[in-house]
Amino acid sequence: MYHQHFNLKAPPFRITPDARFFFQGRTHGRALSYLSYGLSLREGFVVVTGDVGAGKTTLVEYLLSTLEPQRFRAAKLVSTQLGGDDLLRLVGSAMGLDFAGADKSTILTQLQAFFANQNAADVRPLLLVDEVQNLSLRALEELRMLSNFQVGNQPLVQTFLIGQPQFRDTMAGRDLEQLMQRVVAAHHLDALTPDETRSYIEHRLNCVDWAGDPELDVDVFDTVHRASGGVPRRINLLCDRLFLACYLEDKHVLSPALAATVIAELSHEGLLRLPTSQPVSGQVTRPEEFAR
């Protein structure tokens, strides 16, 4: 709707993860560097955590888009509360294997043979486990056991663990000490700073050939940052509604006053939970203050 009105080639602020809009700012760039470092080592686990909406899935999708398909056999797992055996079956299914009716011993044997055959063909199996905080300790132990598969001194499979902050507490427990010893890198995605929030918004707009219509008042960027807490998905939600409001009111300048109105609407609808404090200033912000 509004993207056509403003001559944008696509909606710039969809909340669905899209690798084409990946923003390589400070924290996401560092996470990408750690994942790349892990790939260069060809072993162990790389852990990336972040709050809901921090951009973890977009980061993973971007990484997958950069891999050469002829060199990697990547399987993305979105985990739920799985037991150990179910996790192994999910891994097999993601790799295109059928383990119907097979017992655990058979599953492990076939997985090892599959990974070995892939490596022999110079193809590297890679597991990307999203929402890893949902996995049971037993399932995490099965992932660690898969990392034992090797030929000579060369591991046959590598695993990236992507999840919410509570997974860091899980990793700190004694039950996962052996897995932790195999983590080669870990990073937590922080919220965007005010300057990064502006760069993030402008980056997404530039991806869809924004030519300055609507014009964004410079104070709007700070307003969006304070209302969103610097969380990318919240920024997307808020900016999407801001551009829609501009279109519906036939405006071509996005002002702080309009932003304050939209923020109040989203808050009232329960779609935007306003931060109770600001990371930079530590001051409490009330909805009516966004118009200032």
Protein backbone atom coordinates (compact mmCIF):
# COMPACT_ATOMS: atom_id res chain seq x y z
CA MET A 1 0.00 0.00 0.00
CA TYR A 2 2.19 2.89 1.23
CA HIS A 3 5.35 1.61 -0.46
CA GLN A 4 3.75 2.07 -3.87
CA HIS A 5 2.49 5.53 -2.91
CA PHE A 6 6.02 6.61 -1.97
CA ASN A 7 7.58 4.86 -4.99
CA LEU A 8 9.43 2.26 -2.90
CA LYS A 9 10.17 -0.99 -4.69
CA ALA A 10 9.10 -3.11 -1.68
CA PRO A 11 7.81 -2.70 1.89
CA PRO A 12 10.90 -1.64 3.87
CA PHE A 13 9.84 -2.57 7.39
CA ARG A 14 8.29 -6.03 7.30
CA ILE A 15 8.79 -7.95 10.53
CA THR A 16 9.43 -11.23 8.67
CA PRO A 17 13.20 -11.96 8.67
CA ASP A 18 14.71 -11.18 5.27
CA ALA A 19 18.42 -11.59 4.54
CA ARG A 20 18.24 -8.85 1.90
CA PHE A 21 17.77 -6.27 4.67
CA PHE A 22 20.59 -7.53 6.91
CA PHE A 23 22.13 -4.58 8.75
CA GLN A 24 25.78 -5.13 9.60
CA GLY A 25 26.06 -2.74 12.50
CA ARG A 26 28.37 -3.06 15.48
CA THR A 27 26.77 -5.99 17.29
CA HIS A 28 25.44 -7.90 14.26
CA GLY A 29 28.72 -7.43 12.42
CA ARG A 30 30.59 -8.87 15.38
CA ALA A 31 28.24 -11.85 15.55
CA LEU A 32 28.75 -12.46 11.83
CA SER A 33 32.53 -12.31 12.34
CA TYR A 34 32.32 -14.94 15.07
CA LEU A 35 30.22 -17.21 12.90
CA SER A 36 32.70 -16.77 10.04
CA TYR A 37 35.55 -17.49 12.43
CA GLY A 38 33.84 -20.69 13.49
CA LEU A 39 33.47 -21.73 9.88
CA SER A 40 37.18 -21.14 9.31
CA LEU A 41 38.02 -23.46 12.22
CA ARG A 42 35.69 -26.19 10.89
CA GLU A 43 35.00 -27.43 14.42
CA GLY A 44 33.16 -26.81 17.66
CA PHE A 45 30.11 -24.73 18.50
CA VAL A 46 29.43 -21.03 17.97
CA VAL A 47 26.75 -19.52 20.22
CA VAL A 48 24.78 -16.35 19.41
CA THR A 49 22.12 -15.09 21.81
CA GLY A 50 19.82 -12.10 21.76
CA ASP A 51 16.50 -10.86 23.06
CA VAL A 52 13.26 -11.44 21.16
CA GLY A 53 13.36 -9.32 18.00
CA ALA A 54 17.10 -8.68 18.16
CA GLY A 55 17.67 -9.96 14.62
CA LYS A 56 19.01 -13.47 15.29
CA THR A 57 17.01 -15.17 12.55
CA THR A 58 17.86 -12.49 9.99
CA LEU A 59 21.52 -12.95 10.89
CA VAL A 60 21.24 -16.71 10.28
CA GLU A 61 19.38 -16.21 7.00
CA TYR A 62 22.05 -13.78 5.83
CA LEU A 63 24.84 -16.20 6.76
CA LEU A 64 23.11 -18.99 4.82
CA SER A 65 22.75 -16.69 1.79
CA THR A 66 26.53 -16.17 1.72
CA LEU A 67 27.49 -19.86 1.81
CA GLU A 68 28.42 -21.64 -1.39
CA PRO A 69 25.78 -24.38 -1.79
CA GLN A 70 28.26 -26.73 -3.42
CA ARG A 71 30.57 -26.51 -0.38
CA PHE A 72 28.06 -26.67 2.50
CA ARG A 73 25.14 -28.89 3.42
CA ALA A 74 23.40 -26.52 5.85
CA ALA A 75 20.37 -27.56 7.85
CA LYS A 76 18.41 -25.08 9.93
CA LEU A 77 16.53 -26.52 12.90
CA VAL A 78 13.90 -24.50 14.75
CA SER A 79 13.79 -26.34 18.05
CA THR A 80 10.94 -27.05 20.40
CA GLN A 81 10.92 -29.12 23.58
CA LEU A 82 12.58 -32.17 22.05
CA GLY A 83 14.08 -35.23 23.69
CA GLY A 84 17.43 -36.61 22.61
CA ASP A 85 16.13 -39.20 20.13
CA ASP A 86 13.66 -36.73 18.61
CA LEU A 87 16.49 -34.26 18.11
CA LEU A 88 18.50 -36.83 16.17
CA ARG A 89 15.50 -37.59 13.97
CA LEU A 90 15.04 -33.86 13.35
CA VAL A 91 18.68 -33.55 12.31
CA GLY A 92 18.27 -36.47 9.93
CA SER A 93 15.08 -35.03 8.44
CA ALA A 94 16.75 -31.64 7.93
CA MET A 95 19.57 -33.40 6.08
CA GLY A 96 17.09 -35.28 3.89
CA LEU A 97 17.37 -38.66 5.66
CA ASP A 98 14.46 -40.93 6.57
CA PHE A 99 14.75 -42.60 9.97
CA ALA A 100 11.22 -44.02 10.13
CA GLY A 101 11.22 -47.01 12.48
CA ALA A 102 14.97 -46.83 13.14
CA ASP A 103 16.35 -47.18 16.65
CA LYS A 104 18.88 -44.75 18.12
CA SER A 105 21.90 -46.91 17.30
CA THR A 106 20.87 -47.10 13.64
CA ILE A 107 20.19 -43.37 13.50
CA LEU A 108 23.65 -42.54 14.86
CA THR A 109 25.34 -44.97 12.49
CA GLN A 110 23.53 -43.57 9.47
CA LEU A 111 24.20 -39.97 10.49
CA GLN A 112 27.90 -40.66 10.90
CA ALA A 113 28.05 -42.38 7.53
CA PHE A 114 26.16 -39.51 5.89
CA PHE A 115 28.43 -36.87 7.39
CA ALA A 116 31.52 -38.86 6.39
CA ASN A 117 30.28 -39.20 2.81
CA GLN A 118 29.58 -35.48 2.62
CA ASN A 119 33.08 -34.63 3.85
CA ALA A 120 34.61 -37.10 1.41
CA ALA A 121 32.84 -35.17 -1.35
CA ASP A 122 34.30 -31.93 0.06
CA VAL A 123 30.89 -30.82 1.36
CA ARG A 124 30.70 -29.59 4.95
CA PRO A 125 27.60 -30.43 7.02
CA LEU A 126 26.47 -27.47 9.12
CA LEU A 127 23.70 -27.46 11.72
CA LEU A 128 22.07 -24.16 12.70
CA VAL A 129 19.84 -24.65 15.73
CA ASP A 130 17.46 -21.71 16.24
CA GLU A 131 15.55 -21.17 19.52
CA VAL A 132 18.11 -23.42 21.19
CA GLN A 133 16.90 -22.36 24.65
CA ASN A 134 13.94 -24.70 24.10
CA LEU A 135 16.10 -27.84 23.87
CA SER A 136 16.31 -30.23 26.79
CA LEU A 137 19.66 -31.03 28.38
CA ARG A 138 19.45 -34.49 26.85
CA ALA A 139 18.96 -33.04 23.37
CA LEU A 140 21.91 -30.68 23.88
CA GLU A 141 24.00 -33.65 24.95
CA GLU A 142 23.09 -35.42 21.70
CA LEU A 143 24.34 -32.39 19.77
CA ARG A 144 27.60 -32.61 21.67
CA MET A 145 27.87 -36.29 20.84
CA LEU A 146 27.42 -35.50 17.15
CA SER A 147 30.45 -33.22 17.42
CA ASN A 148 32.47 -36.34 18.33
CA PHE A 149 32.03 -37.71 14.82
CA GLN A 150 35.33 -37.32 12.99
CA VAL A 151 37.68 -38.92 10.49
CA GLY A 152 41.25 -38.73 11.71
CA ASN A 153 41.41 -35.37 13.45
CA GLN A 154 38.78 -33.73 11.21
CA PRO A 155 35.27 -33.20 12.72
CA LEU A 156 32.47 -34.24 10.40
CA VAL A 157 29.82 -31.70 11.44
CA GLN A 158 29.74 -28.21 12.92
CA THR A 159 26.91 -26.63 14.90
CA PHE A 160 25.80 -23.04 15.50
CA LEU A 161 23.48 -22.48 18.47
CA ILE A 162 21.14 -19.48 18.23
CA GLY A 163 18.83 -18.56 21.09
CA GLN A 164 17.47 -16.19 23.69
CA PRO A 165 19.52 -14.85 26.65
CA GLN A 166 18.39 -17.55 29.10
CA PHE A 167 20.45 -20.07 27.15
CA ARG A 168 23.55 -18.42 28.56
CA ASP A 169 22.38 -19.43 32.04
CA THR A 170 21.80 -22.97 30.78
CA MET A 171 25.32 -23.11 29.36
CA ALA A 172 26.78 -21.98 32.67
CA GLY A 173 25.41 -25.07 34.45
CA ARG A 174 27.64 -27.99 35.27
CA ASP A 175 25.49 -30.34 33.17
CA LEU A 176 26.79 -28.70 29.98
CA GLU A 177 30.43 -28.33 30.94
CA GLN A 178 31.59 -30.70 28.21
CA LEU A 179 29.61 -28.82 25.57
CA MET A 180 30.96 -25.48 26.81
CA GLN A 181 34.51 -26.73 26.36
CA ARG A 182 33.74 -27.07 22.65
CA VAL A 183 32.37 -23.55 22.17
CA VAL A 184 34.90 -21.69 20.01
CA ALA A 185 33.08 -18.33 20.06
CA ALA A 186 30.01 -16.72 21.62
CA HIS A 187 28.30 -13.35 21.23
CA HIS A 188 25.20 -11.62 22.60
CA LEU A 189 23.33 -9.26 20.28
CA ASP A 190 22.89 -5.92 22.01
CA ALA A 191 20.18 -3.37 21.25
CA LEU A 192 21.02 -0.72 18.67
CA THR A 193 22.32 2.64 19.85
CA PRO A 194 20.55 5.88 18.79
CA ASP A 195 23.02 6.42 15.94
CA GLU A 196 22.71 2.78 14.85
CA THR A 197 18.92 3.07 14.93
CA ARG A 198 19.08 5.91 12.43
CA SER A 199 21.56 4.00 10.26
CA TYR A 200 19.35 0.89 10.47
CA ILE A 201 16.25 2.80 9.33
CA GLU A 202 18.09 4.52 6.49
CA HIS A 203 19.69 1.22 5.46
CA ARG A 204 16.30 -0.48 5.07
CA LEU A 205 14.94 2.50 3.18
CA ASN A 206 17.92 2.55 0.84
CA CYS A 207 17.36 -1.16 0.15
CA VAL A 208 14.01 -0.23 -1.43
CA ASP A 209 15.27 2.82 -3.36
CA TRP A 210 13.91 5.51 -1.03
CA ALA A 211 14.32 8.93 -2.66
CA GLY A 212 13.45 11.05 0.38
CA ASP A 213 9.65 10.75 0.22
CA PRO A 214 8.44 10.93 2.89
CA GLU A 215 11.07 13.12 4.49
CA LEU A 216 12.03 12.06 8.00
CA ASP A 217 12.44 14.84 10.54
CA VAL A 218 15.81 14.31 12.22
CA ASP A 219 14.17 14.12 15.67
CA VAL A 220 12.05 11.14 14.57
CA PHE A 221 15.05 8.83 14.71
CA ASP A 222 15.60 9.52 18.41
CA THR A 223 11.86 9.16 19.03
CA VAL A 224 11.85 5.74 17.36
CA HIS A 225 14.91 4.66 19.31
CA ARG A 226 13.41 5.63 22.67
CA ALA A 227 10.10 3.94 21.90
CA SER A 228 11.67 0.75 20.53
CA GLY A 229 14.58 0.41 22.93
CA GLY A 230 16.78 -0.15 19.87
CA VAL A 231 15.27 -3.59 19.19
CA PRO A 232 15.16 -4.15 15.39
CA ARG A 233 11.78 -5.88 15.24
CA ARG A 234 10.17 -3.11 17.30
CA ILE A 235 11.80 -0.53 15.05
CA ASN A 236 10.28 -2.30 12.03
CA LEU A 237 6.83 -2.43 13.62
CA LEU A 238 6.92 1.23 14.56
CA CYS A 239 8.35 2.50 11.27
CA ASP A 240 5.86 0.47 9.27
CA ARG A 241 3.00 2.16 11.11
CA LEU A 242 4.66 5.57 10.79
CA PHE A 243 4.89 5.27 7.01
CA LEU A 244 1.32 3.98 6.86
CA ALA A 245 0.15 6.98 8.89
CA CYS A 246 2.00 9.32 6.51
CA TYR A 247 0.22 7.70 3.58
CA LEU A 248 -3.24 7.74 5.17
CA GLU A 249 -2.91 11.41 6.16
CA ASP A 250 -1.40 12.32 2.78
CA LYS A 251 1.72 13.74 4.39
CA HIS A 252 5.21 13.84 2.94
CA VAL A 253 7.08 14.76 6.13
CA LEU A 254 7.26 12.32 9.02
CA SER A 255 7.26 14.55 12.09
CA PRO A 256 7.86 13.84 15.81
CA ALA A 257 4.23 14.77 16.49
CA LEU A 258 2.97 12.13 14.07
CA ALA A 259 5.41 9.64 15.55
CA ALA A 260 4.08 10.37 19.06
CA THR A 261 0.52 9.75 17.88
CA VAL A 262 1.43 6.42 16.28
CA ILE A 263 3.41 5.33 19.35
CA ALA A 264 0.42 6.09 21.58
CA GLU A 265 -1.86 4.08 19.27
CA LEU A 266 0.46 1.07 19.20
CA SER A 267 0.86 1.20 22.97
CA HIS A 268 -2.91 1.38 23.46
CA GLU A 269 -3.40 -1.55 21.11
CA GLY A 270 -0.88 -3.58 23.08
CA LEU A 271 1.36 -3.98 20.03
CA LEU A 272 4.24 -1.92 21.43
CA ARG A 273 5.44 -2.21 25.00
CA LEU A 274 7.24 1.00 25.79
CA PRO A 275 10.58 0.70 27.59
CA THR A 276 10.33 1.72 31.24
CA SER A 277 13.84 3.17 31.12
CA GLN A 278 16.32 4.29 28.52
CA PRO A 279 19.68 2.46 28.27
CA VAL A 280 21.54 5.68 27.53
CA SER A 281 20.05 8.18 29.97
CA GLY A 282 18.32 5.90 32.45
CA GLN A 283 15.32 8.25 32.54
CA VAL A 284 11.76 6.94 32.65
CA THR A 285 9.83 7.78 29.50
CA ARG A 286 6.05 8.17 29.41
CA PRO A 287 4.05 7.94 26.15
CA GLU A 288 3.27 11.66 26.07
CA GLU A 289 6.98 12.47 26.23
CA PHE A 290 7.61 11.08 22.75
CA ALA A 291 6.14 14.24 21.25
CA ARG A 292 8.88 16.36 22.78
